[in-house]
Amino acid sequence: MTPRESILLRVLADWVALDRIHWDVSESKPGAPLIAIQDATLTLIHDLVEEGLFEVGEVSDERGFSPWTEPLDEAVERIRSVYVDGFDKQNIWPWYCWLNLTDKGEQLAQRIQSTPSTS
């Protein structure tokens, strides 16, 4: 299963945090340098949001999921500044942003879920 498919299926149950996306990408690239994993993670987030499958935002106890309102490229740079530049802050970046499934993403996730695995 690709990181893209894994994230689509995971989010059927709950929002997906940045650390989970990072983990799925790192599992698909054993032995890859950290910067390659981070670049692939940011590209995946960008692509999933650009395709209209997810929205990116934050989660709080009071409001639940709140989408970010800035343009996608600015949002990705915002994530990069915390996730790449501040990767040593393990208590911050893993939960810095979350992905929330859109209706379009949910339709795709349900198709993936109902497709028999070939592995």
PDB file of N, CA and C in Angstrom:
ATOM      1  N   MET A   1       0.845  -1.173   0.000  1.00  0.00           N
ATOM      2  CA  MET A   1       0.000   0.000   0.000  1.00  0.00           C
ATOM      3  C   MET A   1       0.896   1.245   0.000  1.00  0.00           C
ATOM      4  N   THR A   2       0.559   2.206  -0.827  1.00  0.00           N
ATOM      5  CA  THR A   2       1.345   3.440  -0.901  1.00  0.00           C
ATOM      6  C   THR A   2       1.012   4.343   0.286  1.00  0.00           C
ATOM      7  N   PRO A   3       1.886   5.297   0.597  1.00  0.00           N
ATOM      8  CA  PRO A   3       1.556   6.250   1.658  1.00  0.00           C
ATOM      9  C   PRO A   3       0.246   6.991   1.363  1.00  0.00           C
ATOM     10  N   ARG A   4       0.020   7.310   0.112  1.00  0.00           N
ATOM     11  CA  ARG A   4      -1.215   7.994  -0.286  1.00  0.00           C
ATOM     12  C   ARG A   4      -2.445   7.158   0.079  1.00  0.00           C
ATOM     13  N   GLU A   5      -2.422   5.879  -0.276  1.00  0.00           N
ATOM     14  CA  GLU A   5      -3.552   4.994   0.036  1.00  0.00           C
ATOM     15  C   GLU A   5      -3.710   4.822   1.545  1.00  0.00           C
ATOM     16  N   SER A   6      -2.601   4.656   2.232  1.00  0.00           N
ATOM     17  CA  SER A   6      -2.635   4.482   3.679  1.00  0.00           C
ATOM     18  C   SER A   6      -3.280   5.684   4.366  1.00  0.00           C
ATOM     19  N   ILE A   7      -2.905   6.867   3.946  1.00  0.00           N
ATOM     20  CA  ILE A   7      -3.459   8.078   4.553  1.00  0.00           C
ATOM     21  C   ILE A   7      -4.940   8.207   4.230  1.00  0.00           C
ATOM     22  N   LEU A   8      -5.318   7.908   2.999  1.00  0.00           N
ATOM     23  CA  LEU A   8      -6.737   7.961   2.632  1.00  0.00           C
ATOM     24  C   LEU A   8      -7.564   7.005   3.488  1.00  0.00           C
ATOM     25  N   LEU A   9      -7.052   5.816   3.736  1.00  0.00           N
ATOM     26  CA  LEU A   9      -7.802   4.850   4.539  1.00  0.00           C
ATOM     27  C   LEU A   9      -7.814   5.234   6.018  1.00  0.00           C
ATOM     28  N   ARG A  10      -6.696   5.737   6.528  1.00  0.00           N
ATOM     29  CA  ARG A  10      -6.616   6.136   7.934  1.00  0.00           C
ATOM     30  C   ARG A  10      -7.610   7.228   8.280  1.00  0.00           C
ATOM     31  N   VAL A  11      -7.758   8.162   7.377  1.00  0.00           N
ATOM     32  CA  VAL A  11      -8.580   9.322   7.666  1.00  0.00           C
ATOM     33  C   VAL A  11     -10.073   8.995   7.620  1.00  0.00           C
ATOM     34  N   LEU A  12     -10.430   7.806   7.156  1.00  0.00           N
ATOM     35  CA  LEU A  12     -11.830   7.388   7.256  1.00  0.00           C
ATOM     36  C   LEU A  12     -12.245   7.272   8.722  1.00  0.00           C
ATOM     37  N   ALA A  13     -11.269   7.006   9.595  1.00  0.00           N
ATOM     38  CA  ALA A  13     -11.551   6.856  11.020  1.00  0.00           C
ATOM     39  C   ALA A  13     -11.323   8.143  11.807  1.00  0.00           C
ATOM     40  N   ASP A  14     -10.371   8.964  11.392  1.00  0.00           N
ATOM     41  CA  ASP A  14     -10.029  10.161  12.160  1.00  0.00           C
ATOM     42  C   ASP A  14      -9.144  11.062  11.309  1.00  0.00           C
ATOM     43  N   TRP A  15      -8.926  12.293  11.771  1.00  0.00           N
ATOM     44  CA  TRP A  15      -7.983  13.179  11.099  1.00  0.00           C
ATOM     45  C   TRP A  15      -6.596  12.560  11.154  1.00  0.00           C
ATOM     46  N   VAL A  16      -5.737  12.950  10.223  1.00  0.00           N
ATOM     47  CA  VAL A  16      -4.377  12.405  10.168  1.00  0.00           C
ATOM     48  C   VAL A  16      -3.382  13.517  10.482  1.00  0.00           C
ATOM     49  N   ALA A  17      -2.533  13.258  11.483  1.00  0.00           N
ATOM     50  CA  ALA A  17      -1.522  14.227  11.907  1.00  0.00           C
ATOM     51  C   ALA A  17      -0.262  14.106  11.056  1.00  0.00           C
ATOM     52  N   LEU A  18       0.526  15.162  11.064  1.00  0.00           N
ATOM     53  CA  LEU A  18       1.775  15.213  10.312  1.00  0.00           C
ATOM     54  C   LEU A  18       2.698  14.043  10.646  1.00  0.00           C
ATOM     55  N   ASP A  19       2.774  13.654  11.907  1.00  0.00           N
ATOM     56  CA  ASP A  19       3.683  12.549  12.268  1.00  0.00           C
ATOM     57  C   ASP A  19       3.281  11.245  11.602  1.00  0.00           C
ATOM     58  N   ARG A  20       1.991  11.031  11.407  1.00  0.00           N
ATOM     59  CA  ARG A  20       1.513   9.803  10.757  1.00  0.00           C
ATOM     60  C   ARG A  20       1.870   9.815   9.274  1.00  0.00           C
ATOM     61  N   ILE A  21       1.760  10.973   8.653  1.00  0.00           N
ATOM     62  CA  ILE A  21       2.122  11.100   7.245  1.00  0.00           C
ATOM     63  C   ILE A  21       3.621  10.851   7.091  1.00  0.00           C
ATOM     64  N   HIS A  22       4.402  11.466   7.969  1.00  0.00           N
ATOM     65  CA  HIS A  22       5.860  11.266   7.971  1.00  0.00           C
ATOM     66  C   HIS A  22       6.186   9.778   8.113  1.00  0.00           C
ATOM     67  N   TRP A  23       5.524   9.103   9.033  1.00  0.00           N
ATOM     68  CA  TRP A  23       5.793   7.679   9.280  1.00  0.00           C
ATOM     69  C   TRP A  23       5.460   6.845   8.041  1.00  0.00           C
ATOM     70  N   ASP A  24       4.305   7.086   7.441  1.00  0.00           N
ATOM     71  CA  ASP A  24       3.919   6.320   6.245  1.00  0.00           C
ATOM     72  C   ASP A  24       4.919   6.524   5.111  1.00  0.00           C
ATOM     73  N   VAL A  25       5.360   7.752   4.917  1.00  0.00           N
ATOM     74  CA  VAL A  25       6.343   8.024   3.866  1.00  0.00           C
ATOM     75  C   VAL A  25       7.666   7.344   4.203  1.00  0.00           C
ATOM     76  N   SER A  26       8.111   7.441   5.455  1.00  0.00           N
ATOM     77  CA  SER A  26       9.397   6.833   5.835  1.00  0.00           C
ATOM     78  C   SER A  26       9.360   5.315   5.679  1.00  0.00           C
ATOM     79  N   GLU A  27       8.222   4.696   5.943  1.00  0.00           N
ATOM     80  CA  GLU A  27       8.085   3.248   5.765  1.00  0.00           C
ATOM     81  C   GLU A  27       8.190   2.850   4.291  1.00  0.00           C
ATOM     82  N   SER A  28       7.814   3.748   3.410  1.00  0.00           N
ATOM     83  CA  SER A  28       7.874   3.448   1.973  1.00  0.00           C
ATOM     84  C   SER A  28       9.254   3.728   1.379  1.00  0.00           C
ATOM     85  N   LYS A  29      10.137   4.335   2.174  1.00  0.00           N
ATOM     86  CA  LYS A  29      11.472   4.709   1.698  1.00  0.00           C
ATOM     87  C   LYS A  29      12.536   4.261   2.693  1.00  0.00           C
ATOM     88  N   PRO A  30      12.653   2.949   2.936  1.00  0.00           N
ATOM     89  CA  PRO A  30      13.635   2.490   3.919  1.00  0.00           C
ATOM     90  C   PRO A  30      15.051   2.938   3.552  1.00  0.00           C
ATOM     91  N   GLY A  31      15.744   3.467   4.534  1.00  0.00           N
ATOM     92  CA  GLY A  31      17.124   3.890   4.327  1.00  0.00           C
ATOM     93  C   GLY A  31      17.291   5.254   3.685  1.00  0.00           C
ATOM     94  N   ALA A  32      16.190   5.903   3.331  1.00  0.00           N
ATOM     95  CA  ALA A  32      16.287   7.224   2.702  1.00  0.00           C
ATOM     96  C   ALA A  32      16.732   8.260   3.731  1.00  0.00           C
ATOM     97  N   PRO A  33      17.488   9.261   3.292  1.00  0.00           N
ATOM     98  CA  PRO A  33      17.869  10.329   4.220  1.00  0.00           C
ATOM     99  C   PRO A  33      16.634  11.102   4.692  1.00  0.00           C
ATOM    100  N   LEU A  34      16.738  11.666   5.876  1.00  0.00           N
ATOM    101  CA  LEU A  34      15.620  12.401   6.463  1.00  0.00           C
ATOM    102  C   LEU A  34      15.088  13.474   5.521  1.00  0.00           C
ATOM    103  N   ILE A  35      15.954  14.238   4.885  1.00  0.00           N
ATOM    104  CA  ILE A  35      15.491  15.322   4.019  1.00  0.00           C
ATOM    105  C   ILE A  35      14.673  14.786   2.846  1.00  0.00           C
ATOM    106  N   ALA A  36      15.000  13.611   2.341  1.00  0.00           N
ATOM    107  CA  ALA A  36      14.224  13.006   1.251  1.00  0.00           C
ATOM    108  C   ALA A  36      12.836  12.608   1.746  1.00  0.00           C
ATOM    109  N   ILE A  37      12.768  12.088   2.961  1.00  0.00           N
ATOM    110  CA  ILE A  37      11.472  11.724   3.559  1.00  0.00           C
ATOM    111  C   ILE A  37      10.641  12.980   3.794  1.00  0.00           C
ATOM    112  N   GLN A  38      11.272  14.020   4.305  1.00  0.00           N
ATOM    113  CA  GLN A  38      10.549  15.267   4.556  1.00  0.00           C
ATOM    114  C   GLN A  38      10.042  15.885   3.252  1.00  0.00           C
ATOM    115  N   ASP A  39      10.887  15.903   2.230  1.00  0.00           N
ATOM    116  CA  ASP A  39      10.453  16.446   0.934  1.00  0.00           C
ATOM    117  C   ASP A  39       9.287  15.646   0.363  1.00  0.00           C
ATOM    118  N   ALA A  40       9.363  14.324   0.450  1.00  0.00           N
ATOM    119  CA  ALA A  40       8.277  13.473  -0.052  1.00  0.00           C
ATOM    120  C   ALA A  40       7.003  13.681   0.761  1.00  0.00           C
ATOM    121  N   THR A  41       7.144  13.877   2.059  1.00  0.00           N
ATOM    122  CA  THR A  41       5.988  14.131   2.923  1.00  0.00           C
ATOM    123  C   THR A  41       5.313  15.441   2.542  1.00  0.00           C
ATOM    124  N   LEU A  42       6.092  16.484   2.373  1.00  0.00           N
ATOM    125  CA  LEU A  42       5.534  17.785   1.994  1.00  0.00           C
ATOM    126  C   LEU A  42       4.899  17.739   0.606  1.00  0.00           C
ATOM    127  N   THR A  43       5.523  17.029  -0.316  1.00  0.00           N
ATOM    128  CA  THR A  43       4.956  16.875  -1.659  1.00  0.00           C
ATOM    129  C   THR A  43       3.633  16.124  -1.598  1.00  0.00           C
ATOM    130  N   LEU A  44       3.587  15.073  -0.792  1.00  0.00           N
ATOM    131  CA  LEU A  44       2.352  14.299  -0.657  1.00  0.00           C
ATOM    132  C   LEU A  44       1.229  15.162  -0.083  1.00  0.00           C
ATOM    133  N   ILE A  45       1.526  15.914   0.968  1.00  0.00           N
ATOM    134  CA  ILE A  45       0.514  16.804   1.551  1.00  0.00           C
ATOM    135  C   ILE A  45       0.031  17.790   0.489  1.00  0.00           C
ATOM    136  N   HIS A  46       0.963  18.415  -0.203  1.00  0.00           N
ATOM    137  CA  HIS A  46       0.607  19.382  -1.246  1.00  0.00           C
ATOM    138  C   HIS A  46      -0.304  18.740  -2.292  1.00  0.00           C
ATOM    139  N   ASP A  47       0.092  17.578  -2.783  1.00  0.00           N
ATOM    140  CA  ASP A  47      -0.669  16.922  -3.848  1.00  0.00           C
ATOM    141  C   ASP A  47      -2.063  16.510  -3.384  1.00  0.00           C
ATOM    142  N   LEU A  48      -2.165  15.957  -2.186  1.00  0.00           N
ATOM    143  CA  LEU A  48      -3.468  15.517  -1.674  1.00  0.00           C
ATOM    144  C   LEU A  48      -4.429  16.692  -1.504  1.00  0.00           C
ATOM    145  N   VAL A  49      -3.904  17.814  -1.038  1.00  0.00           N
ATOM    146  CA  VAL A  49      -4.748  19.000  -0.862  1.00  0.00           C
ATOM    147  C   VAL A  49      -5.067  19.628  -2.218  1.00  0.00           C
ATOM    148  N   GLU A  50      -4.073  19.721  -3.084  1.00  0.00           N
ATOM    149  CA  GLU A  50      -4.282  20.311  -4.410  1.00  0.00           C
ATOM    150  C   GLU A  50      -5.325  19.531  -5.216  1.00  0.00           C
ATOM    151  N   GLU A  51      -5.341  18.214  -5.052  1.00  0.00           N
ATOM    152  CA  GLU A  51      -6.304  17.373  -5.769  1.00  0.00           C
ATOM    153  C   GLU A  51      -7.702  17.439  -5.162  1.00  0.00           C
ATOM    154  N   GLY A  52      -7.849  18.157  -4.061  1.00  0.00           N
ATOM    155  CA  GLY A  52      -9.155  18.304  -3.441  1.00  0.00           C
ATOM    156  C   GLY A  52      -9.574  17.116  -2.597  1.00  0.00           C
ATOM    157  N   LEU A  53      -8.622  16.249  -2.236  1.00  0.00           N
ATOM    158  CA  LEU A  53      -8.935  15.065  -1.432  1.00  0.00           C
ATOM    159  C   LEU A  53      -8.920  15.374   0.063  1.00  0.00           C
ATOM    160  N   PHE A  54      -8.146  16.377   0.444  1.00  0.00           N
ATOM    161  CA  PHE A  54      -8.001  16.759   1.846  1.00  0.00           C
ATOM    162  C   PHE A  54      -7.971  18.269   1.968  1.00  0.00           C
ATOM    163  N   GLU A  55      -8.212  18.729   3.183  1.00  0.00           N
ATOM    164  CA  GLU A  55      -7.899  20.093   3.548  1.00  0.00           C
ATOM    165  C   GLU A  55      -6.908  20.013   4.695  1.00  0.00           C
ATOM    166  N   VAL A  56      -6.027  20.994   4.766  1.00  0.00           N
ATOM    167  CA  VAL A  56      -5.008  21.019   5.809  1.00  0.00           C
ATOM    168  C   VAL A  56      -5.416  22.061   6.846  1.00  0.00           C
ATOM    169  N   GLY A  57      -5.125  21.745   8.105  1.00  0.00           N
ATOM    170  CA  GLY A  57      -5.480  22.672   9.172  1.00  0.00           C
ATOM    171  C   GLY A  57      -4.933  22.207  10.501  1.00  0.00           C
ATOM    172  N   GLU A  58      -5.623  22.607  11.559  1.00  0.00           N
ATOM    173  CA  GLU A  58      -5.198  22.239  12.907  1.00  0.00           C
ATOM    174  C   GLU A  58      -6.383  21.683  13.675  1.00  0.00           C
ATOM    175  N   VAL A  59      -6.074  20.999  14.758  1.00  0.00           N
ATOM    176  CA  VAL A  59      -7.105  20.390  15.597  1.00  0.00           C
ATOM    177  C   VAL A  59      -6.943  20.924  17.012  1.00  0.00           C
ATOM    178  N   SER A  60      -8.065  21.287  17.617  1.00  0.00           N
ATOM    179  CA  SER A  60      -8.054  21.698  19.020  1.00  0.00           C
ATOM    180  C   SER A  60      -9.223  21.037  19.734  1.00  0.00           C
ATOM    181  N   ASP A  61      -9.108  20.931  21.052  1.00  0.00           N
ATOM    182  CA  ASP A  61     -10.187  20.339  21.845  1.00  0.00           C
ATOM    183  C   ASP A  61     -11.472  21.155  21.727  1.00  0.00           C
ATOM    184  N   GLU A  62     -11.324  22.460  21.640  1.00  0.00           N
ATOM    185  CA  GLU A  62     -12.500  23.335  21.617  1.00  0.00           C
ATOM    186  C   GLU A  62     -13.237  23.309  20.284  1.00  0.00           C
ATOM    187  N   ARG A  63     -12.479  23.343  19.185  1.00  0.00           N
ATOM    188  CA  ARG A  63     -13.098  23.501  17.866  1.00  0.00           C
ATOM    189  C   ARG A  63     -13.046  22.267  16.992  1.00  0.00           C
ATOM    190  N   GLY A  64     -12.279  21.271  17.380  1.00  0.00           N
ATOM    191  CA  GLY A  64     -12.068  20.146  16.476  1.00  0.00           C
ATOM    192  C   GLY A  64     -11.165  20.583  15.341  1.00  0.00           C
ATOM    193  N   PHE A  65     -11.471  20.179  14.121  1.00  0.00           N
ATOM    194  CA  PHE A  65     -10.642  20.540  12.969  1.00  0.00           C
ATOM    195  C   PHE A  65     -10.997  21.936  12.475  1.00  0.00           C
ATOM    196  N   SER A  66      -9.973  22.754  12.253  1.00  0.00           N
ATOM    197  CA  SER A  66     -10.137  24.092  11.663  1.00  0.00           C
ATOM    198  C   SER A  66      -9.206  24.196  10.459  1.00  0.00           C
ATOM    199  N   PRO A  67      -9.761  24.365   9.265  1.00  0.00           N
ATOM    200  CA  PRO A  67      -8.899  24.463   8.081  1.00  0.00           C
ATOM    201  C   PRO A  67      -8.120  25.769   8.076  1.00  0.00           C
ATOM    202  N   TRP A  68      -6.906  25.688   7.548  1.00  0.00           N
ATOM    203  CA  TRP A  68      -6.114  26.900   7.345  1.00  0.00           C
ATOM    204  C   TRP A  68      -6.677  27.626   6.138  1.00  0.00           C
ATOM    205  N   THR A  69      -6.546  28.935   6.131  1.00  0.00           N
ATOM    206  CA  THR A  69      -7.146  29.729   5.057  1.00  0.00           C
ATOM    207  C   THR A  69      -6.140  30.268   4.043  1.00  0.00           C
ATOM    208  N   GLU A  70      -4.836  30.155   4.340  1.00  0.00           N
ATOM    209  CA  GLU A  70      -3.856  30.686   3.396  1.00  0.00           C
ATOM    210  C   GLU A  70      -3.770  29.795   2.156  1.00  0.00           C
ATOM    211  N   PRO A  71      -3.221  30.347   1.060  1.00  0.00           N
ATOM    212  CA  PRO A  71      -3.025  29.540  -0.148  1.00  0.00           C
ATOM    213  C   PRO A  71      -2.164  28.308   0.158  1.00  0.00           C
ATOM    214  N   LEU A  72      -2.349  27.268  -0.630  1.00  0.00           N
ATOM    215  CA  LEU A  72      -1.685  25.986  -0.386  1.00  0.00           C
ATOM    216  C   LEU A  72      -0.168  26.111  -0.316  1.00  0.00           C
ATOM    217  N   ASP A  73       0.436  26.829  -1.242  1.00  0.00           N
ATOM    218  CA  ASP A  73       1.899  26.946  -1.220  1.00  0.00           C
ATOM    219  C   ASP A  73       2.387  27.601   0.070  1.00  0.00           C
ATOM    220  N   GLU A  74       1.653  28.587   0.563  1.00  0.00           N
ATOM    221  CA  GLU A  74       2.014  29.221   1.837  1.00  0.00           C
ATOM    222  C   GLU A  74       1.834  28.244   2.997  1.00  0.00           C
ATOM    223  N   ALA A  75       0.780  27.450   2.948  1.00  0.00           N
ATOM    224  CA  ALA A  75       0.551  26.459   4.007  1.00  0.00           C
ATOM    225  C   ALA A  75       1.680  25.434   4.039  1.00  0.00           C
ATOM    226  N   VAL A  76       2.120  24.993   2.870  1.00  0.00           N
ATOM    227  CA  VAL A  76       3.212  24.012   2.813  1.00  0.00           C
ATOM    228  C   VAL A  76       4.502  24.632   3.345  1.00  0.00           C
ATOM    229  N   GLU A  77       4.756  25.886   3.027  1.00  0.00           N
ATOM    230  CA  GLU A  77       5.951  26.553   3.565  1.00  0.00           C
ATOM    231  C   GLU A  77       5.844  26.717   5.078  1.00  0.00           C
ATOM    232  N   ARG A  78       4.653  26.974   5.560  1.00  0.00           N
ATOM    233  CA  ARG A  78       4.411  27.063   7.012  1.00  0.00           C
ATOM    234  C   ARG A  78       4.738  25.726   7.678  1.00  0.00           C
ATOM    235  N   ILE A  79       4.299  24.647   7.068  1.00  0.00           N
ATOM    236  CA  ILE A  79       4.603  23.311   7.594  1.00  0.00           C
ATOM    237  C   ILE A  79       6.106  23.068   7.534  1.00  0.00           C
ATOM    238  N   ARG A  80       6.726  23.402   6.400  1.00  0.00           N
ATOM    239  CA  ARG A  80       8.166  23.196   6.226  1.00  0.00           C
ATOM    240  C   ARG A  80       8.957  23.891   7.337  1.00  0.00           C
ATOM    241  N   SER A  81       8.566  25.098   7.691  1.00  0.00           N
ATOM    242  CA  SER A  81       9.334  25.846   8.691  1.00  0.00           C
ATOM    243  C   SER A  81       9.334  25.149  10.046  1.00  0.00           C
ATOM    244  N   VAL A  82       8.272  24.461  10.372  1.00  0.00           N
ATOM    245  CA  VAL A  82       8.198  23.752  11.659  1.00  0.00           C
ATOM    246  C   VAL A  82       8.728  22.328  11.528  1.00  0.00           C
ATOM    247  N   TYR A  83       8.366  21.654  10.459  1.00  0.00           N
ATOM    248  CA  TYR A  83       8.676  20.231  10.270  1.00  0.00           C
ATOM    249  C   TYR A  83      10.118  19.980   9.844  1.00  0.00           C
ATOM    250  N   VAL A  84      10.627  20.781   8.927  1.00  0.00           N
ATOM    251  CA  VAL A  84      12.002  20.590   8.449  1.00  0.00           C
ATOM    252  C   VAL A  84      12.969  21.404   9.301  1.00  0.00           C
ATOM    253  N   ASP A  85      12.717  22.706   9.382  1.00  0.00           N
ATOM    254  CA  ASP A  85      13.639  23.579  10.117  1.00  0.00           C
ATOM    255  C   ASP A  85      13.619  23.306  11.619  1.00  0.00           C
ATOM    256  N   GLY A  86      12.492  22.842  12.146  1.00  0.00           N
ATOM    257  CA  GLY A  86      12.384  22.582  13.581  1.00  0.00           C
ATOM    258  C   GLY A  86      12.188  21.119  13.919  1.00  0.00           C
ATOM    259  N   PHE A  87      12.745  20.235  13.098  1.00  0.00           N
ATOM    260  CA  PHE A  87      12.517  18.796  13.280  1.00  0.00           C
ATOM    261  C   PHE A  87      12.983  18.294  14.641  1.00  0.00           C
ATOM    262  N   ASP A  88      13.969  18.960  15.231  1.00  0.00           N
ATOM    263  CA  ASP A  88      14.467  18.537  16.543  1.00  0.00           C
ATOM    264  C   ASP A  88      13.451  18.802  17.655  1.00  0.00           C
ATOM    265  N   LYS A  89      12.429  19.582  17.380  1.00  0.00           N
ATOM    266  CA  LYS A  89      11.386  19.869  18.381  1.00  0.00           C
ATOM    267  C   LYS A  89      10.290  18.809  18.269  1.00  0.00           C
ATOM    268  N   GLN A  90      10.589  17.639  18.792  1.00  0.00           N
ATOM    269  CA  GLN A  90       9.708  16.474  18.663  1.00  0.00           C
ATOM    270  C   GLN A  90       8.370  16.638  19.387  1.00  0.00           C
ATOM    271  N   ASN A  91       8.251  17.646  20.216  1.00  0.00           N
ATOM    272  CA  ASN A  91       6.978  17.881  20.903  1.00  0.00           C
ATOM    273  C   ASN A  91       6.099  18.888  20.159  1.00  0.00           C
ATOM    274  N   ILE A  92       6.576  19.373  19.010  1.00  0.00           N
ATOM    275  CA  ILE A  92       5.804  20.368  18.257  1.00  0.00           C
ATOM    276  C   ILE A  92       5.400  19.869  16.873  1.00  0.00           C
ATOM    277  N   TRP A  93       6.381  19.519  16.027  1.00  0.00           N
ATOM    278  CA  TRP A  93       6.048  19.249  14.621  1.00  0.00           C
ATOM    279  C   TRP A  93       5.098  18.075  14.404  1.00  0.00           C
ATOM    280  N   PRO A  94       5.139  16.992  15.207  1.00  0.00           N
ATOM    281  CA  PRO A  94       4.268  15.855  14.881  1.00  0.00           C
ATOM    282  C   PRO A  94       2.777  16.200  14.819  1.00  0.00           C
ATOM    283  N   TRP A  95       2.355  17.190  15.568  1.00  0.00           N
ATOM    284  CA  TRP A  95       0.935  17.551  15.626  1.00  0.00           C
ATOM    285  C   TRP A  95       0.686  18.960  15.124  1.00  0.00           C
ATOM    286  N   TYR A  96       1.636  19.477  14.350  1.00  0.00           N
ATOM    287  CA  TYR A  96       1.533  20.857  13.886  1.00  0.00           C
ATOM    288  C   TYR A  96       0.393  21.046  12.887  1.00  0.00           C
ATOM    289  N   CYS A  97       0.191  20.081  12.020  1.00  0.00           N
ATOM    290  CA  CYS A  97      -0.914  20.179  11.067  1.00  0.00           C
ATOM    291  C   CYS A  97      -1.598  18.823  10.941  1.00  0.00           C
ATOM    292  N   TRP A  98      -2.810  18.879  10.479  1.00  0.00           N
ATOM    293  CA  TRP A  98      -3.643  17.686  10.316  1.00  0.00           C
ATOM    294  C   TRP A  98      -4.307  17.741   8.948  1.00  0.00           C
ATOM    295  N   LEU A  99      -4.650  16.565   8.438  1.00  0.00           N
ATOM    296  CA  LEU A  99      -5.412  16.482   7.196  1.00  0.00           C
ATOM    297  C   LEU A  99      -6.823  16.013   7.512  1.00  0.00           C
ATOM    298  N   ASN A 100      -7.778  16.651   6.872  1.00  0.00           N
ATOM    299  CA  ASN A 100      -9.187  16.323   7.010  1.00  0.00           C
ATOM    300  C   ASN A 100      -9.712  15.927   5.634  1.00  0.00           C
ATOM    301  N   LEU A 101     -10.389  14.817   5.569  1.00  0.00           N
ATOM    302  CA  LEU A 101     -10.912  14.286   4.314  1.00  0.00           C
ATOM    303  C   LEU A 101     -12.045  15.155   3.773  1.00  0.00           C
ATOM    304  N   THR A 102     -12.017  15.416   2.481  1.00  0.00           N
ATOM    305  CA  THR A 102     -13.128  16.095   1.812  1.00  0.00           C
ATOM    306  C   THR A 102     -14.102  15.024   1.307  1.00  0.00           C
ATOM    307  N   ASP A 103     -15.234  15.454   0.787  1.00  0.00           N
ATOM    308  CA  ASP A 103     -16.185  14.496   0.212  1.00  0.00           C
ATOM    309  C   ASP A 103     -15.540  13.727  -0.943  1.00  0.00           C
ATOM    310  N   LYS A 104     -14.783  14.437  -1.769  1.00  0.00           N
ATOM    311  CA  LYS A 104     -14.083  13.793  -2.892  1.00  0.00           C
ATOM    312  C   LYS A 104     -13.084  12.763  -2.375  1.00  0.00           C
ATOM    313  N   GLY A 105     -12.343  13.111  -1.330  1.00  0.00           N
ATOM    314  CA  GLY A 105     -11.383  12.185  -0.733  1.00  0.00           C
ATOM    315  C   GLY A 105     -12.062  10.977  -0.123  1.00  0.00           C
ATOM    316  N   GLU A 106     -13.207  11.206   0.497  1.00  0.00           N
ATOM    317  CA  GLU A 106     -13.935  10.090   1.105  1.00  0.00           C
ATOM    318  C   GLU A 106     -14.407   9.099   0.045  1.00  0.00           C
ATOM    319  N   GLN A 107     -14.873   9.596  -1.085  1.00  0.00           N
ATOM    320  CA  GLN A 107     -15.299   8.705  -2.165  1.00  0.00           C
ATOM    321  C   GLN A 107     -14.134   7.842  -2.646  1.00  0.00           C
ATOM    322  N   LEU A 108     -12.968   8.460  -2.822  1.00  0.00           N
ATOM    323  CA  LEU A 108     -11.791   7.713  -3.262  1.00  0.00           C
ATOM    324  C   LEU A 108     -11.356   6.707  -2.197  1.00  0.00           C
ATOM    325  N   ALA A 109     -11.355   7.116  -0.942  1.00  0.00           N
ATOM    326  CA  ALA A 109     -10.956   6.220   0.152  1.00  0.00           C
ATOM    327  C   ALA A 109     -11.881   5.009   0.230  1.00  0.00           C
ATOM    328  N   GLN A 110     -13.163   5.228   0.041  1.00  0.00           N
ATOM    329  CA  GLN A 110     -14.104   4.110   0.085  1.00  0.00           C
ATOM    330  C   GLN A 110     -13.893   3.155  -1.086  1.00  0.00           C
ATOM    331  N   ARG A 111     -13.530   3.688  -2.248  1.00  0.00           N
ATOM    332  CA  ARG A 111     -13.212   2.810  -3.389  1.00  0.00           C
ATOM    333  C   ARG A 111     -11.968   1.977  -3.088  1.00  0.00           C
ATOM    334  N   ILE A 112     -10.943   2.612  -2.512  1.00  0.00           N
ATOM    335  CA  ILE A 112      -9.719   1.888  -2.160  1.00  0.00           C
ATOM    336  C   ILE A 112     -10.030   0.813  -1.129  1.00  0.00           C
ATOM    337  N   GLN A 113     -10.840   1.157  -0.146  1.00  0.00           N
ATOM    338  CA  GLN A 113     -11.185   0.221   0.925  1.00  0.00           C
ATOM    339  C   GLN A 113     -11.942  -0.993   0.382  1.00  0.00           C
ATOM    340  N   SER A 114     -12.759  -0.788  -0.631  1.00  0.00           N
ATOM    341  CA  SER A 114     -13.562  -1.894  -1.157  1.00  0.00           C
ATOM    342  C   SER A 114     -12.844  -2.705  -2.234  1.00  0.00           C
ATOM    343  N   THR A 115     -11.651  -2.261  -2.634  1.00  0.00           N
ATOM    344  CA  THR A 115     -10.869  -2.988  -3.634  1.00  0.00           C
ATOM    345  C   THR A 115     -10.051  -4.072  -2.947  1.00  0.00           C
ATOM    346  N   PRO A 116     -10.178  -5.325  -3.392  1.00  0.00           N
ATOM    347  CA  PRO A 116      -9.390  -6.400  -2.768  1.00  0.00           C
ATOM    348  C   PRO A 116      -7.890  -6.148  -2.904  1.00  0.00           C
ATOM    349  N   SER A 117      -7.166  -6.445  -1.850  1.00  0.00           N
ATOM    350  CA  SER A 117      -5.710  -6.278  -1.845  1.00  0.00           C
ATOM    351  C   SER A 117      -5.070  -7.330  -2.735  1.00  0.00           C
ATOM    352  N   THR A 118      -4.026  -6.916  -3.465  1.00  0.00           N
ATOM    353  CA  THR A 118      -3.317  -7.862  -4.333  1.00  0.00           C
ATOM    354  C   THR A 118      -2.027  -8.349  -3.692  1.00  0.00           C
ATOM    355  N   SER A 119      -1.757  -7.915  -2.462  1.00  0.00           N
ATOM    356  CA  SER A 119      -0.505  -8.329  -1.806  1.00  0.00           C
ATOM    357  C   SER A 119      -0.679  -9.579  -0.996  1.00  0.00           C
TER     358      SER A 119
END
